């Protein structure tokens, strides 16, 4: 927890090993909810990886996880640095 307090990051990614069986494992429920609560308490956003079904997405929403990624959301797409300049992450002109 000390490292989490000191890390200069805005997002904490929740490993897919906790998400993959989220709907079947009560210990994964507990861990994911705790991670989301701690991250939010520290002013950070959360990203869950390996979301592969609606039921997992529903639980993540209930726990307050901010973002999800995985095959249920969409398949990975190839990209290039050119695409990055056209992305929504580009800073608006001043």
N, C-alpha and C. Protein backbone atom coordinates (compact mmCIF):
# COMPACT_ATOMS: atom_id res chain seq x y z
N UNK A 1 0.82 -1.20 0.00
CA UNK A 1 0.00 0.00 0.00
C UNK A 1 0.86 1.27 0.00
N UNK A 2 2.01 1.17 0.60
CA UNK A 2 2.92 2.31 0.61
C UNK A 2 3.30 2.70 -0.82
N UNK A 3 3.59 1.70 -1.65
CA UNK A 3 3.94 1.98 -3.04
C UNK A 3 2.78 2.62 -3.78
N UNK A 4 1.57 2.15 -3.54
CA UNK A 4 0.41 2.74 -4.20
C UNK A 4 0.25 4.21 -3.83
N UNK A 5 0.52 4.54 -2.58
CA UNK A 5 0.41 5.93 -2.15
C UNK A 5 1.44 6.81 -2.85
N UNK A 6 2.61 6.26 -3.12
CA UNK A 6 3.71 7.07 -3.63
C UNK A 6 3.85 7.04 -5.15
N UNK A 7 3.21 6.09 -5.82
CA UNK A 7 3.35 5.99 -7.27
C UNK A 7 2.74 7.21 -7.96
N UNK A 8 3.49 7.84 -8.86
CA UNK A 8 2.95 9.01 -9.57
C UNK A 8 2.14 8.57 -10.80
N UNK A 9 1.05 7.87 -10.57
CA UNK A 9 0.20 7.39 -11.66
C UNK A 9 -1.23 7.85 -11.44
N UNK A 10 -1.98 7.89 -12.53
CA UNK A 10 -3.38 8.28 -12.46
C UNK A 10 -4.32 7.09 -12.55
N UNK A 11 -3.81 5.95 -13.06
CA UNK A 11 -4.63 4.76 -13.28
C UNK A 11 -3.96 3.55 -12.66
N UNK A 12 -4.79 2.68 -12.11
CA UNK A 12 -4.32 1.39 -11.60
C UNK A 12 -5.05 0.31 -12.38
N UNK A 13 -4.28 -0.57 -13.01
CA UNK A 13 -4.86 -1.65 -13.80
C UNK A 13 -5.05 -2.87 -12.91
N UNK A 14 -6.25 -3.43 -12.97
CA UNK A 14 -6.57 -4.64 -12.21
C UNK A 14 -6.28 -5.83 -13.12
N UNK A 15 -5.36 -6.65 -12.71
CA UNK A 15 -4.88 -7.77 -13.52
C UNK A 15 -6.01 -8.72 -13.90
N UNK A 16 -5.92 -9.22 -15.12
CA UNK A 16 -6.93 -10.13 -15.64
C UNK A 16 -7.08 -11.42 -14.86
N UNK A 17 -6.05 -11.80 -14.09
CA UNK A 17 -6.17 -13.03 -13.29
C UNK A 17 -7.27 -12.89 -12.23
N UNK A 18 -7.59 -11.66 -11.84
CA UNK A 18 -8.69 -11.44 -10.89
C UNK A 18 -10.03 -11.29 -11.60
N UNK A 19 -10.00 -10.97 -12.88
CA UNK A 19 -11.21 -10.71 -13.64
C UNK A 19 -11.72 -11.95 -14.36
N UNK A 20 -10.81 -12.77 -14.83
CA UNK A 20 -11.16 -13.92 -15.67
C UNK A 20 -12.25 -14.80 -15.03
N UNK A 21 -12.18 -15.05 -13.75
CA UNK A 21 -13.16 -15.91 -13.07
C UNK A 21 -13.97 -15.14 -12.04
N UNK A 22 -14.13 -13.87 -12.26
CA UNK A 22 -14.80 -12.99 -11.29
C UNK A 22 -16.19 -13.47 -10.92
N UNK A 23 -16.93 -13.99 -11.88
CA UNK A 23 -18.31 -14.38 -11.60
C UNK A 23 -18.40 -15.68 -10.80
N UNK A 24 -17.32 -16.45 -10.75
CA UNK A 24 -17.35 -17.73 -10.03
C UNK A 24 -16.61 -17.71 -8.70
N UNK A 25 -15.71 -16.78 -8.50
CA UNK A 25 -14.83 -16.83 -7.32
C UNK A 25 -15.10 -15.66 -6.37
N UNK A 26 -15.58 -15.97 -5.19
CA UNK A 26 -15.89 -14.92 -4.22
C UNK A 26 -14.65 -14.19 -3.74
N UNK A 27 -13.49 -14.87 -3.70
CA UNK A 27 -12.28 -14.17 -3.29
C UNK A 27 -11.86 -13.13 -4.32
N UNK A 28 -12.12 -13.40 -5.61
CA UNK A 28 -11.84 -12.40 -6.64
C UNK A 28 -12.76 -11.19 -6.49
N UNK A 29 -14.02 -11.42 -6.11
CA UNK A 29 -14.95 -10.31 -5.84
C UNK A 29 -14.35 -9.38 -4.79
N UNK A 30 -13.93 -9.99 -3.70
CA UNK A 30 -13.39 -9.24 -2.57
C UNK A 30 -12.16 -8.43 -2.98
N UNK A 31 -11.24 -9.06 -3.70
CA UNK A 31 -10.00 -8.40 -4.10
C UNK A 31 -10.27 -7.26 -5.08
N UNK A 32 -11.10 -7.49 -6.08
CA UNK A 32 -11.39 -6.45 -7.07
C UNK A 32 -12.09 -5.26 -6.42
N UNK A 33 -13.07 -5.51 -5.58
CA UNK A 33 -13.76 -4.42 -4.89
C UNK A 33 -12.79 -3.63 -4.02
N UNK A 34 -11.93 -4.33 -3.29
CA UNK A 34 -10.95 -3.66 -2.43
C UNK A 34 -9.98 -2.81 -3.26
N UNK A 35 -9.53 -3.35 -4.38
CA UNK A 35 -8.61 -2.60 -5.23
C UNK A 35 -9.27 -1.32 -5.76
N UNK A 36 -10.52 -1.44 -6.18
CA UNK A 36 -11.24 -0.26 -6.67
C UNK A 36 -11.43 0.77 -5.55
N UNK A 37 -11.80 0.31 -4.38
CA UNK A 37 -11.99 1.22 -3.24
C UNK A 37 -10.69 1.93 -2.87
N UNK A 38 -9.60 1.18 -2.82
CA UNK A 38 -8.32 1.77 -2.46
C UNK A 38 -7.87 2.77 -3.53
N UNK A 39 -7.96 2.38 -4.78
CA UNK A 39 -7.56 3.28 -5.87
C UNK A 39 -8.35 4.58 -5.82
N UNK A 40 -9.65 4.47 -5.67
CA UNK A 40 -10.48 5.68 -5.63
C UNK A 40 -10.16 6.52 -4.40
N UNK A 41 -9.91 5.87 -3.27
CA UNK A 41 -9.53 6.59 -2.06
C UNK A 41 -8.25 7.38 -2.24
N UNK A 42 -7.37 6.89 -3.11
CA UNK A 42 -6.11 7.58 -3.40
C UNK A 42 -6.23 8.54 -4.58
N UNK A 43 -7.45 8.70 -5.09
CA UNK A 43 -7.68 9.63 -6.20
C UNK A 43 -7.24 9.11 -7.56
N UNK A 44 -7.22 7.79 -7.72
CA UNK A 44 -6.80 7.19 -8.98
C UNK A 44 -7.97 6.48 -9.65
N UNK A 45 -7.91 6.34 -10.94
CA UNK A 45 -8.92 5.61 -11.72
C UNK A 45 -8.49 4.15 -11.84
N UNK A 46 -9.45 3.29 -12.13
CA UNK A 46 -9.16 1.86 -12.27
C UNK A 46 -9.51 1.36 -13.66
N UNK A 47 -8.72 0.39 -14.12
CA UNK A 47 -8.92 -0.26 -15.41
C UNK A 47 -8.87 -1.76 -15.17
N UNK A 48 -9.93 -2.47 -15.55
CA UNK A 48 -9.96 -3.93 -15.43
C UNK A 48 -9.66 -4.53 -16.80
N UNK A 49 -8.73 -5.49 -16.83
CA UNK A 49 -8.42 -6.15 -18.10
C UNK A 49 -9.06 -7.53 -18.13
N UNK A 50 -9.12 -8.12 -19.32
CA UNK A 50 -9.65 -9.47 -19.54
C UNK A 50 -11.16 -9.55 -19.32
N UNK A 51 -11.89 -8.50 -19.60
CA UNK A 51 -13.35 -8.56 -19.48
C UNK A 51 -13.88 -9.30 -20.70
N UNK A 52 -14.47 -10.46 -20.46
CA UNK A 52 -14.89 -11.32 -21.56
C UNK A 52 -16.38 -11.68 -21.54
N UNK A 53 -17.13 -11.12 -20.57
CA UNK A 53 -18.56 -11.42 -20.52
C UNK A 53 -19.33 -10.30 -19.82
N UNK A 54 -20.59 -10.19 -20.16
CA UNK A 54 -21.45 -9.15 -19.59
C UNK A 54 -21.53 -9.25 -18.07
N UNK A 55 -21.60 -10.46 -17.54
CA UNK A 55 -21.73 -10.62 -16.09
C UNK A 55 -20.51 -10.04 -15.35
N UNK A 56 -19.34 -10.18 -15.92
CA UNK A 56 -18.14 -9.57 -15.32
C UNK A 56 -18.23 -8.05 -15.39
N UNK A 57 -18.65 -7.54 -16.53
CA UNK A 57 -18.79 -6.10 -16.69
C UNK A 57 -19.81 -5.54 -15.70
N UNK A 58 -20.88 -6.25 -15.46
CA UNK A 58 -21.89 -5.82 -14.49
C UNK A 58 -21.30 -5.72 -13.08
N UNK A 59 -20.52 -6.72 -12.69
CA UNK A 59 -19.89 -6.69 -11.37
C UNK A 59 -18.90 -5.54 -11.26
N UNK A 60 -18.11 -5.34 -12.30
CA UNK A 60 -17.14 -4.25 -12.28
C UNK A 60 -17.83 -2.89 -12.13
N UNK A 61 -18.94 -2.73 -12.82
CA UNK A 61 -19.70 -1.48 -12.70
C UNK A 61 -20.22 -1.33 -11.27
N UNK A 62 -20.70 -2.40 -10.70
CA UNK A 62 -21.21 -2.37 -9.32
C UNK A 62 -20.10 -2.00 -8.33
N UNK A 63 -18.88 -2.44 -8.60
CA UNK A 63 -17.76 -2.15 -7.72
C UNK A 63 -17.13 -0.78 -7.99
N UNK A 64 -17.60 -0.10 -9.02
CA UNK A 64 -17.10 1.24 -9.31
C UNK A 64 -15.83 1.28 -10.13
N UNK A 65 -15.49 0.18 -10.80
CA UNK A 65 -14.32 0.19 -11.67
C UNK A 65 -14.60 1.14 -12.83
N UNK A 66 -13.63 1.99 -13.13
CA UNK A 66 -13.85 3.07 -14.09
C UNK A 66 -13.82 2.65 -15.56
N UNK A 67 -12.90 1.77 -15.91
CA UNK A 67 -12.73 1.37 -17.31
C UNK A 67 -12.54 -0.14 -17.40
N UNK A 68 -12.90 -0.68 -18.56
CA UNK A 68 -12.73 -2.11 -18.80
C UNK A 68 -12.14 -2.31 -20.18
N UNK A 69 -11.35 -3.36 -20.30
CA UNK A 69 -10.83 -3.73 -21.60
C UNK A 69 -10.86 -5.25 -21.70
N UNK A 70 -11.04 -5.74 -22.89
CA UNK A 70 -11.09 -7.18 -23.11
C UNK A 70 -11.95 -7.50 -24.32
N UNK A 71 -12.00 -8.78 -24.66
CA UNK A 71 -12.70 -9.20 -25.87
C UNK A 71 -14.20 -8.89 -25.83
N UNK A 72 -14.79 -8.80 -24.64
CA UNK A 72 -16.22 -8.45 -24.59
C UNK A 72 -16.42 -7.00 -25.04
N UNK A 73 -15.46 -6.14 -24.73
CA UNK A 73 -15.54 -4.73 -25.09
C UNK A 73 -15.20 -4.55 -26.57
N UNK A 74 -14.17 -5.23 -27.01
CA UNK A 74 -13.74 -5.14 -28.40
C UNK A 74 -12.42 -5.83 -28.61
N UNK A 75 -12.24 -6.37 -29.80
CA UNK A 75 -11.01 -7.06 -30.13
C UNK A 75 -9.88 -6.04 -30.33
N UNK A 76 -8.66 -6.40 -29.95
CA UNK A 76 -7.53 -5.49 -30.18
C UNK A 76 -7.40 -5.17 -31.67
N UNK A 77 -7.04 -3.95 -31.95
CA UNK A 77 -6.89 -3.49 -33.32
C UNK A 77 -5.45 -3.04 -33.55
N UNK A 78 -4.91 -3.27 -34.74
CA UNK A 78 -3.58 -2.75 -35.03
C UNK A 78 -3.62 -1.23 -35.10
N UNK A 79 -2.52 -0.62 -34.76
CA UNK A 79 -2.46 0.83 -34.85
C UNK A 79 -1.03 1.26 -35.14
N UNK A 80 -0.87 2.49 -35.49
CA UNK A 80 0.45 3.05 -35.79
C UNK A 80 0.57 4.39 -35.09
N UNK A 81 1.76 4.93 -35.09
CA UNK A 81 1.97 6.26 -34.50
C UNK A 81 1.16 7.33 -35.21
N UNK A 82 0.91 7.14 -36.52
CA UNK A 82 0.06 8.08 -37.26
C UNK A 82 -1.34 8.13 -36.65
N UNK A 83 -1.86 6.97 -36.31
CA UNK A 83 -3.20 6.90 -35.73
C UNK A 83 -3.24 7.60 -34.38
N UNK A 84 -2.16 7.53 -33.64
CA UNK A 84 -2.10 8.16 -32.33
C UNK A 84 -2.32 9.67 -32.44
N UNK A 85 -1.77 10.27 -33.47
CA UNK A 85 -1.93 11.72 -33.63
C UNK A 85 -3.38 12.10 -33.93
N UNK A 86 -4.17 11.15 -34.42
CA UNK A 86 -5.58 11.42 -34.72
C UNK A 86 -6.51 10.93 -33.61
N UNK A 87 -5.93 10.40 -32.55
CA UNK A 87 -6.76 9.77 -31.51
C UNK A 87 -7.40 10.80 -30.60
N UNK A 88 -8.29 10.31 -29.77
CA UNK A 88 -8.96 11.19 -28.80
C UNK A 88 -8.02 11.59 -27.67
N UNK A 89 -6.81 11.00 -27.63
CA UNK A 89 -5.86 11.33 -26.59
C UNK A 89 -5.00 12.53 -26.97
N UNK A 90 -5.15 12.98 -28.20
CA UNK A 90 -4.39 14.14 -28.63
C UNK A 90 -4.85 15.37 -27.87
N UNK A 91 -3.90 16.16 -27.46
CA UNK A 91 -4.26 17.38 -26.72
C UNK A 91 -4.89 18.40 -27.67
N UNK A 92 -5.93 19.07 -27.23
CA UNK A 92 -6.54 20.09 -28.08
C UNK A 92 -5.59 21.27 -28.27
N UNK A 93 -5.72 21.97 -29.37
CA UNK A 93 -4.87 23.15 -29.60
C UNK A 93 -5.10 24.20 -28.51
N UNK A 94 -4.06 24.89 -28.17
CA UNK A 94 -4.15 25.93 -27.11
C UNK A 94 -4.78 27.19 -27.62
